[in-house]
Amino acid sequence: MKQTLHYNIILRAEPEGGFTVLVPALPGCVTYGKNLDEARRMAKEAIELYIEDLRAHKDKIPNGCDYLISSLEVVSV
């Protein structure tokens, strides 16, 4: 039975252009896209492959919504 999973992603703009994508719930799941649309597509593919590998090894699939992502304002001294 197929189930829909939800994962938070972090999109980091790179100085040379494009975006690095991190998936906090899946350690080591990192990808890159030349623009936001491509970065999101690449993230979806990376997550699907990561989960496929977990299933192949009969490992537990982490819940992607266990993480809260927030931002903080810090004043440099």
Protein backbone atom coordinates (compact mmCIF):
# COMPACT_ATOMS: atom_id res chain seq x y z
CA MET A 1 0.00 0.00 0.00
CA LYS A 2 1.37 3.41 -0.97
CA GLN A 3 1.39 6.13 1.62
CA THR A 4 1.99 9.85 1.31
CA LEU A 5 4.89 11.14 3.39
CA HIS A 6 5.74 14.77 4.07
CA TYR A 7 9.27 16.10 4.57
CA ASN A 8 10.56 19.56 5.36
CA ILE A 9 13.42 20.74 3.18
CA ILE A 10 15.92 23.55 3.56
CA LEU A 11 16.83 25.44 0.38
CA ARG A 12 20.13 27.30 0.62
CA ALA A 13 21.02 29.79 -2.12
CA GLU A 14 24.60 29.25 -3.29
CA PRO A 15 26.93 32.18 -4.10
CA GLU A 16 27.73 30.74 -7.54
CA GLY A 17 24.02 30.26 -8.26
CA GLY A 18 21.50 27.55 -7.70
CA PHE A 19 20.26 25.98 -4.49
CA THR A 20 21.52 23.24 -2.22
CA VAL A 21 18.68 21.27 -0.64
CA LEU A 22 18.94 19.55 2.73
CA VAL A 23 16.39 17.14 4.21
CA PRO A 24 16.82 17.31 8.02
CA ALA A 25 14.83 14.12 8.72
CA LEU A 26 17.02 12.07 6.35
CA PRO A 27 20.70 12.36 7.34
CA GLY A 28 22.93 12.76 4.30
CA CYS A 29 20.02 13.44 1.94
CA VAL A 30 21.36 16.47 0.08
CA THR A 31 20.88 17.59 -3.52
CA TYR A 32 21.21 20.64 -5.76
CA GLY A 33 19.15 22.46 -8.37
CA LYS A 34 19.97 25.31 -10.75
CA ASN A 35 16.75 27.11 -9.75
CA LEU A 36 14.00 26.68 -7.15
CA ASP A 37 11.81 24.46 -9.34
CA GLU A 38 14.68 22.16 -10.22
CA ALA A 39 15.86 22.10 -6.59
CA ARG A 40 12.41 20.97 -5.43
CA ARG A 41 12.21 18.29 -8.16
CA MET A 42 15.67 17.04 -7.26
CA ALA A 43 14.72 16.99 -3.56
CA LYS A 44 11.63 14.88 -4.29
CA GLU A 45 13.72 12.44 -6.31
CA ALA A 46 16.44 12.27 -3.62
CA ILE A 47 13.84 11.60 -0.91
CA GLU A 48 12.17 8.87 -2.99
CA LEU A 49 15.53 7.16 -3.60
CA TYR A 50 16.51 7.50 0.07
CA ILE A 51 13.23 5.87 1.17
CA GLU A 52 13.59 3.15 -1.47
CA ASP A 53 17.01 2.31 0.00
CA LEU A 54 15.61 2.27 3.56
CA ARG A 55 12.87 -0.14 2.46
CA ALA A 56 15.36 -2.38 0.67
CA HIS A 57 17.33 -2.69 3.92
CA LYS A 58 14.13 -3.02 6.00
CA ASP A 59 15.08 0.10 7.97
CA LYS A 60 12.53 2.36 9.64
CA ILE A 61 11.32 5.27 7.52
CA PRO A 62 11.56 8.50 9.56
CA ASN A 63 8.60 10.82 9.83
CA GLY A 64 9.60 13.98 8.02
CA CYS A 65 7.35 16.24 10.05
CA ASP A 66 9.08 15.56 13.38
CA TYR A 67 11.31 18.56 12.74
CA LEU A 68 10.37 22.18 13.23
CA ILE A 69 12.30 24.72 11.21
CA SER A 70 12.56 28.26 12.48
CA SER A 71 14.74 31.30 11.93
CA LEU A 72 16.45 33.53 14.45
CA GLU A 73 17.73 37.05 14.24
CA VAL A 74 21.23 37.44 15.67
CA VAL A 75 23.04 40.76 16.01
CA SER A 76 26.73 40.58 15.18
CA VAL A 77 28.94 42.18 17.81
